[in-house]
Amino acid sequence: MNGEVNLQPTLIGARVIVRPVVAADWTGMFAAAADPKIWEVHPESDRYQEAVFRTYFDGALACKSAFTFVETVVFWVGETNIRSRRAMEKIGAALRPGVQHRDIAGEDPYVVYEIRSVS
């Protein structure tokens, strides 16, 4: 072992493969993100625009810590964002207890929902 940490492993399990996001994922990911309604109440509400999402996507590639299909997906939702909270509940996300604070969009508190893969 050379002492370097592999920040982009590919993990293969019985029901899921977790792999780093690659440039070839652009088409599918942008297709999923291109609906303005998804971002309507998000702090970056223009992320549905191709140029804006491209910046976000390129940042995910550059950080080398963005992956596709993982065991648990978490969603940080503004505490008062009722529309997004209801959407999380409709897709089966579970609300984690408590209110969180993140230094990404001011002082607004967040709640965290999660979806876990079925083992």
N, C-alpha and C. Protein backbone atom coordinates (compact mmCIF):
# COMPACT_ATOMS: atom_id res chain seq x y z
N MET A 1 0.85 -1.18 0.00
CA MET A 1 0.00 0.00 0.00
C MET A 1 0.89 1.24 0.00
N ASN A 2 0.54 2.20 -0.79
CA ASN A 2 1.38 3.39 -0.94
C ASN A 2 1.00 4.53 0.02
N GLY A 3 0.02 4.32 0.89
CA GLY A 3 -0.38 5.34 1.85
C GLY A 3 -1.39 6.34 1.33
N GLU A 4 -1.71 6.29 0.03
CA GLU A 4 -2.70 7.20 -0.53
C GLU A 4 -4.11 6.64 -0.32
N VAL A 5 -5.03 7.52 -0.05
CA VAL A 5 -6.42 7.12 0.12
C VAL A 5 -7.13 7.25 -1.21
N ASN A 6 -7.83 6.20 -1.59
CA ASN A 6 -8.61 6.24 -2.83
C ASN A 6 -9.94 6.92 -2.53
N LEU A 7 -10.09 8.16 -2.99
CA LEU A 7 -11.32 8.91 -2.75
C LEU A 7 -12.44 8.53 -3.70
N GLN A 8 -12.13 7.70 -4.69
CA GLN A 8 -13.15 7.34 -5.66
C GLN A 8 -13.21 5.82 -5.89
N PRO A 9 -13.50 5.08 -4.83
CA PRO A 9 -13.60 3.63 -5.02
C PRO A 9 -14.91 3.28 -5.71
N THR A 10 -14.95 2.12 -6.32
CA THR A 10 -16.20 1.55 -6.81
C THR A 10 -16.52 0.40 -5.87
N LEU A 11 -17.70 0.43 -5.28
CA LEU A 11 -18.12 -0.59 -4.34
C LEU A 11 -19.23 -1.39 -4.97
N ILE A 12 -19.10 -2.71 -4.94
CA ILE A 12 -20.10 -3.58 -5.56
C ILE A 12 -20.68 -4.49 -4.49
N GLY A 13 -21.99 -4.41 -4.35
CA GLY A 13 -22.71 -5.26 -3.39
C GLY A 13 -23.73 -6.10 -4.10
N ALA A 14 -24.47 -6.86 -3.34
CA ALA A 14 -25.47 -7.76 -3.91
C ALA A 14 -26.59 -7.00 -4.62
N ARG A 15 -26.91 -5.79 -4.15
CA ARG A 15 -28.04 -5.07 -4.72
C ARG A 15 -27.72 -3.69 -5.26
N VAL A 16 -26.51 -3.25 -5.08
CA VAL A 16 -26.20 -1.89 -5.49
C VAL A 16 -24.72 -1.77 -5.86
N ILE A 17 -24.45 -0.89 -6.77
CA ILE A 17 -23.09 -0.51 -7.11
C ILE A 17 -22.96 0.98 -6.83
N VAL A 18 -21.96 1.33 -6.06
CA VAL A 18 -21.67 2.73 -5.78
C VAL A 18 -20.39 3.05 -6.53
N ARG A 19 -20.49 4.04 -7.40
CA ARG A 19 -19.33 4.40 -8.20
C ARG A 19 -19.24 5.91 -8.30
N PRO A 20 -18.05 6.40 -8.57
CA PRO A 20 -17.90 7.85 -8.71
C PRO A 20 -18.71 8.38 -9.89
N VAL A 21 -19.20 9.59 -9.74
CA VAL A 21 -19.84 10.28 -10.85
C VAL A 21 -18.77 10.52 -11.90
N VAL A 22 -19.12 10.27 -13.15
CA VAL A 22 -18.20 10.49 -14.27
C VAL A 22 -18.85 11.44 -15.27
N ALA A 23 -18.05 11.99 -16.14
CA ALA A 23 -18.55 12.96 -17.13
C ALA A 23 -19.69 12.38 -17.96
N ALA A 24 -19.66 11.08 -18.22
CA ALA A 24 -20.71 10.45 -19.03
C ALA A 24 -22.07 10.43 -18.33
N ASP A 25 -22.12 10.74 -17.04
CA ASP A 25 -23.38 10.80 -16.30
C ASP A 25 -24.16 12.08 -16.57
N TRP A 26 -23.53 13.02 -17.25
CA TRP A 26 -24.14 14.34 -17.46
C TRP A 26 -25.56 14.25 -18.03
N THR A 27 -25.74 13.53 -19.11
CA THR A 27 -27.03 13.52 -19.80
C THR A 27 -28.16 13.08 -18.87
N GLY A 28 -27.96 11.98 -18.18
CA GLY A 28 -29.00 11.48 -17.29
C GLY A 28 -29.25 12.37 -16.10
N MET A 29 -28.18 12.88 -15.52
CA MET A 29 -28.34 13.74 -14.36
C MET A 29 -28.98 15.07 -14.72
N PHE A 30 -28.59 15.63 -15.85
CA PHE A 30 -29.22 16.89 -16.24
C PHE A 30 -30.68 16.65 -16.61
N ALA A 31 -30.99 15.53 -17.24
CA ALA A 31 -32.39 15.23 -17.57
C ALA A 31 -33.23 15.20 -16.30
N ALA A 32 -32.69 14.63 -15.23
CA ALA A 32 -33.41 14.58 -13.96
C ALA A 32 -33.51 15.96 -13.30
N ALA A 33 -32.52 16.80 -13.51
CA ALA A 33 -32.46 18.10 -12.83
C ALA A 33 -33.09 19.24 -13.62
N ALA A 34 -33.49 19.00 -14.86
CA ALA A 34 -33.91 20.08 -15.75
C ALA A 34 -35.33 20.61 -15.49
N ASP A 35 -36.05 20.03 -14.57
CA ASP A 35 -37.40 20.50 -14.27
C ASP A 35 -37.33 21.67 -13.28
N PRO A 36 -37.77 22.86 -13.67
CA PRO A 36 -37.69 24.02 -12.77
C PRO A 36 -38.42 23.82 -11.46
N LYS A 37 -39.47 23.01 -11.46
CA LYS A 37 -40.24 22.80 -10.23
C LYS A 37 -39.41 22.13 -9.14
N ILE A 38 -38.42 21.32 -9.53
CA ILE A 38 -37.57 20.66 -8.55
C ILE A 38 -36.81 21.69 -7.72
N TRP A 39 -36.40 22.77 -8.36
CA TRP A 39 -35.54 23.76 -7.73
C TRP A 39 -36.30 25.00 -7.26
N GLU A 40 -37.60 25.04 -7.45
CA GLU A 40 -38.40 26.23 -7.21
C GLU A 40 -38.17 26.86 -5.83
N VAL A 41 -38.04 26.06 -4.80
CA VAL A 41 -37.87 26.60 -3.45
C VAL A 41 -36.47 26.32 -2.90
N HIS A 42 -35.56 25.90 -3.74
CA HIS A 42 -34.17 25.65 -3.36
C HIS A 42 -33.42 26.97 -3.34
N PRO A 43 -32.41 27.11 -2.47
CA PRO A 43 -31.64 28.37 -2.46
C PRO A 43 -31.03 28.72 -3.81
N GLU A 44 -30.72 27.73 -4.64
CA GLU A 44 -30.23 27.98 -5.99
C GLU A 44 -31.33 27.57 -6.97
N SER A 45 -32.38 28.36 -7.03
CA SER A 45 -33.58 28.00 -7.79
C SER A 45 -33.38 28.00 -9.30
N ASP A 46 -32.24 28.45 -9.77
CA ASP A 46 -31.99 28.44 -11.22
C ASP A 46 -31.15 27.23 -11.64
N ARG A 47 -30.98 26.27 -10.75
CA ARG A 47 -30.12 25.12 -11.04
C ARG A 47 -30.67 24.23 -12.16
N TYR A 48 -31.92 24.40 -12.53
CA TYR A 48 -32.48 23.64 -13.65
C TYR A 48 -31.92 24.12 -14.99
N GLN A 49 -31.33 25.31 -15.02
CA GLN A 49 -30.75 25.83 -16.25
C GLN A 49 -29.45 25.09 -16.54
N GLU A 50 -29.24 24.76 -17.80
CA GLU A 50 -28.10 23.94 -18.17
C GLU A 50 -26.77 24.51 -17.71
N ALA A 51 -26.54 25.79 -17.91
CA ALA A 51 -25.25 26.38 -17.53
C ALA A 51 -25.04 26.34 -16.01
N VAL A 52 -26.10 26.58 -15.27
CA VAL A 52 -26.00 26.57 -13.81
C VAL A 52 -25.78 25.15 -13.30
N PHE A 53 -26.55 24.20 -13.85
CA PHE A 53 -26.36 22.81 -13.43
C PHE A 53 -24.99 22.30 -13.85
N ARG A 54 -24.50 22.76 -14.98
CA ARG A 54 -23.16 22.35 -15.44
C ARG A 54 -22.10 22.74 -14.41
N THR A 55 -22.21 23.94 -13.85
CA THR A 55 -21.27 24.37 -12.81
C THR A 55 -21.35 23.44 -11.60
N TYR A 56 -22.57 23.12 -11.18
CA TYR A 56 -22.79 22.21 -10.05
C TYR A 56 -22.21 20.83 -10.37
N PHE A 57 -22.52 20.30 -11.54
CA PHE A 57 -22.06 18.98 -11.97
C PHE A 57 -20.53 18.94 -12.05
N ASP A 58 -19.94 19.94 -12.67
CA ASP A 58 -18.49 19.99 -12.78
C ASP A 58 -17.83 20.06 -11.41
N GLY A 59 -18.46 20.76 -10.49
CA GLY A 59 -17.95 20.80 -9.12
C GLY A 59 -17.99 19.43 -8.46
N ALA A 60 -19.05 18.67 -8.74
CA ALA A 60 -19.15 17.31 -8.21
C ALA A 60 -18.04 16.43 -8.76
N LEU A 61 -17.75 16.59 -10.04
CA LEU A 61 -16.65 15.82 -10.64
C LEU A 61 -15.31 16.22 -10.02
N ALA A 62 -15.10 17.50 -9.86
CA ALA A 62 -13.82 18.01 -9.37
C ALA A 62 -13.55 17.64 -7.92
N CYS A 63 -14.60 17.56 -7.11
CA CYS A 63 -14.39 17.28 -5.68
C CYS A 63 -14.02 15.83 -5.42
N LYS A 64 -14.26 14.97 -6.39
CA LYS A 64 -13.93 13.55 -6.30
C LYS A 64 -14.58 12.86 -5.12
N SER A 65 -15.73 13.36 -4.69
CA SER A 65 -16.45 12.68 -3.60
C SER A 65 -17.95 12.61 -3.90
N ALA A 66 -18.30 12.67 -5.17
CA ALA A 66 -19.69 12.54 -5.59
C ALA A 66 -19.88 11.14 -6.19
N PHE A 67 -20.92 10.48 -5.75
CA PHE A 67 -21.15 9.10 -6.17
C PHE A 67 -22.59 8.92 -6.64
N THR A 68 -22.86 7.79 -7.41
CA THR A 68 -24.21 7.41 -7.82
C THR A 68 -24.59 6.14 -7.05
N PHE A 69 -25.86 6.03 -6.63
CA PHE A 69 -26.52 4.90 -5.94
C PHE A 69 -25.81 4.49 -4.68
N VAL A 70 -26.19 4.97 -3.51
CA VAL A 70 -25.55 4.67 -2.25
C VAL A 70 -26.56 4.05 -1.30
N GLU A 71 -26.11 3.56 -0.13
CA GLU A 71 -27.00 2.89 0.83
C GLU A 71 -28.03 3.85 1.43
N THR A 72 -27.58 5.05 1.74
CA THR A 72 -28.48 6.04 2.33
C THR A 72 -28.33 7.35 1.58
N VAL A 73 -29.46 7.93 1.19
CA VAL A 73 -29.46 9.24 0.56
C VAL A 73 -30.11 10.19 1.56
N VAL A 74 -29.46 11.32 1.80
CA VAL A 74 -30.03 12.31 2.72
C VAL A 74 -30.41 13.56 1.95
N PHE A 75 -31.47 14.18 2.41
CA PHE A 75 -31.99 15.41 1.80
C PHE A 75 -32.06 16.46 2.89
N TRP A 76 -31.35 17.56 2.72
CA TRP A 76 -31.42 18.68 3.63
C TRP A 76 -32.51 19.61 3.10
N VAL A 77 -33.56 19.81 3.89
CA VAL A 77 -34.71 20.59 3.46
C VAL A 77 -34.92 21.72 4.46
N GLY A 78 -35.14 22.91 3.94
CA GLY A 78 -35.43 24.04 4.82
C GLY A 78 -36.59 23.69 5.75
N GLU A 79 -36.42 24.00 7.03
CA GLU A 79 -37.43 23.62 8.02
C GLU A 79 -38.83 24.12 7.65
N THR A 80 -38.94 25.29 7.06
CA THR A 80 -40.25 25.85 6.71
C THR A 80 -40.66 25.57 5.27
N ASN A 81 -39.88 24.77 4.55
CA ASN A 81 -40.18 24.46 3.15
C ASN A 81 -41.18 23.29 3.11
N ILE A 82 -42.42 23.61 3.35
CA ILE A 82 -43.47 22.59 3.47
C ILE A 82 -43.64 21.80 2.17
N ARG A 83 -43.54 22.46 1.05
CA ARG A 83 -43.70 21.77 -0.23
C ARG A 83 -42.66 20.65 -0.40
N SER A 84 -41.41 20.96 -0.13
CA SER A 84 -40.36 19.95 -0.26
C SER A 84 -40.48 18.88 0.82
N ARG A 85 -40.88 19.27 2.00
CA ARG A 85 -41.06 18.28 3.08
C ARG A 85 -42.15 17.28 2.71
N ARG A 86 -43.24 17.78 2.15
CA ARG A 86 -44.31 16.86 1.72
C ARG A 86 -43.84 15.96 0.59
N ALA A 87 -43.04 16.51 -0.32
CA ALA A 87 -42.50 15.70 -1.42
C ALA A 87 -41.62 14.59 -0.88
N MET A 88 -40.80 14.89 0.12
CA MET A 88 -39.94 13.86 0.73
C MET A 88 -40.79 12.75 1.33
N GLU A 89 -41.87 13.12 2.00
CA GLU A 89 -42.75 12.13 2.60
C GLU A 89 -43.44 11.28 1.54
N LYS A 90 -43.82 11.91 0.42
CA LYS A 90 -44.48 11.17 -0.66
C LYS A 90 -43.59 10.13 -1.29
N ILE A 91 -42.27 10.38 -1.33
CA ILE A 91 -41.38 9.39 -1.93
C ILE A 91 -40.83 8.41 -0.90
N GLY A 92 -41.34 8.50 0.33
CA GLY A 92 -40.98 7.51 1.33
C GLY A 92 -39.78 7.85 2.19
N ALA A 93 -39.34 9.10 2.16
CA ALA A 93 -38.19 9.49 2.98
C ALA A 93 -38.61 9.59 4.44
N ALA A 94 -37.71 9.19 5.33
CA ALA A 94 -37.96 9.25 6.77
C ALA A 94 -37.31 10.51 7.33
N LEU A 95 -38.03 11.19 8.20
CA LEU A 95 -37.53 12.40 8.83
C LEU A 95 -36.62 12.02 10.00
N ARG A 96 -35.39 12.52 9.98
CA ARG A 96 -34.49 12.33 11.11
C ARG A 96 -34.91 13.30 12.21
N PRO A 97 -34.71 12.93 13.47
CA PRO A 97 -35.10 13.84 14.55
C PRO A 97 -34.21 15.08 14.60
N GLY A 98 -34.80 16.17 15.06
CA GLY A 98 -34.05 17.39 15.29
C GLY A 98 -34.01 18.33 14.11
N VAL A 99 -33.47 19.51 14.38
CA VAL A 99 -33.29 20.55 13.39
C VAL A 99 -31.79 20.80 13.28
N GLN A 100 -31.31 20.98 12.06
CA GLN A 100 -29.89 21.15 11.81
C GLN A 100 -29.61 22.57 11.29
N HIS A 101 -28.37 22.95 11.37
CA HIS A 101 -27.94 24.23 10.81
C HIS A 101 -26.74 23.97 9.93
N ARG A 102 -26.72 24.56 8.75
CA ARG A 102 -25.61 24.42 7.82
C ARG A 102 -25.18 25.81 7.36
N ASP A 103 -23.94 25.95 7.11
CA ASP A 103 -23.41 27.23 6.67
C ASP A 103 -23.39 27.28 5.14
N ILE A 104 -24.57 27.03 4.51
CA ILE A 104 -24.62 27.08 3.06
C ILE A 104 -25.56 28.12 2.52
N ALA A 105 -26.52 28.51 3.32
CA ALA A 105 -27.50 29.47 2.82
C ALA A 105 -28.03 30.32 3.96
N GLY A 106 -27.15 30.97 4.66
CA GLY A 106 -27.60 31.85 5.72
C GLY A 106 -27.90 31.11 7.01
N GLU A 107 -28.78 31.68 7.78
CA GLU A 107 -29.09 31.16 9.11
C GLU A 107 -30.28 30.21 9.14
N ASP A 108 -30.86 29.90 7.99
CA ASP A 108 -32.06 29.09 7.98
C ASP A 108 -31.82 27.69 8.51
N PRO A 109 -32.70 27.21 9.41
CA PRO A 109 -32.56 25.86 9.92
C PRO A 109 -33.08 24.83 8.90
N TYR A 110 -32.56 23.62 9.01
CA TYR A 110 -32.92 22.53 8.10
C TYR A 110 -33.40 21.33 8.89
N VAL A 111 -34.19 20.51 8.23
CA VAL A 111 -34.49 19.17 8.72
C VAL A 111 -33.88 18.21 7.72
N VAL A 112 -33.64 16.99 8.15
CA VAL A 112 -32.98 16.02 7.31
C VAL A 112 -33.89 14.81 7.13
N TYR A 113 -34.11 14.46 5.87
CA TYR A 113 -34.86 13.25 5.51
C TYR A 113 -33.86 12.25 4.94
N GLU A 114 -34.18 10.98 5.05
CA GLU A 114 -33.31 9.97 4.48
C GLU A 114 -34.11 8.86 3.82
N ILE A 115 -33.51 8.28 2.82
CA ILE A 115 -34.02 7.08 2.16
C ILE A 115 -32.90 6.07 2.21
N ARG A 116 -33.19 4.91 2.75
CA ARG A 116 -32.19 3.85 2.85
C ARG A 116 -32.52 2.76 1.85
N SER A 117 -31.47 2.15 1.32
CA SER A 117 -31.69 1.03 0.40
C SER A 117 -32.20 -0.16 1.19
N VAL A 118 -32.92 -1.02 0.52
CA VAL A 118 -33.46 -2.22 1.16
C VAL A 118 -32.35 -3.27 1.15
N SER A 119 -32.06 -3.82 2.30
CA SER A 119 -31.01 -4.84 2.40
C SER A 119 -31.55 -6.23 2.12
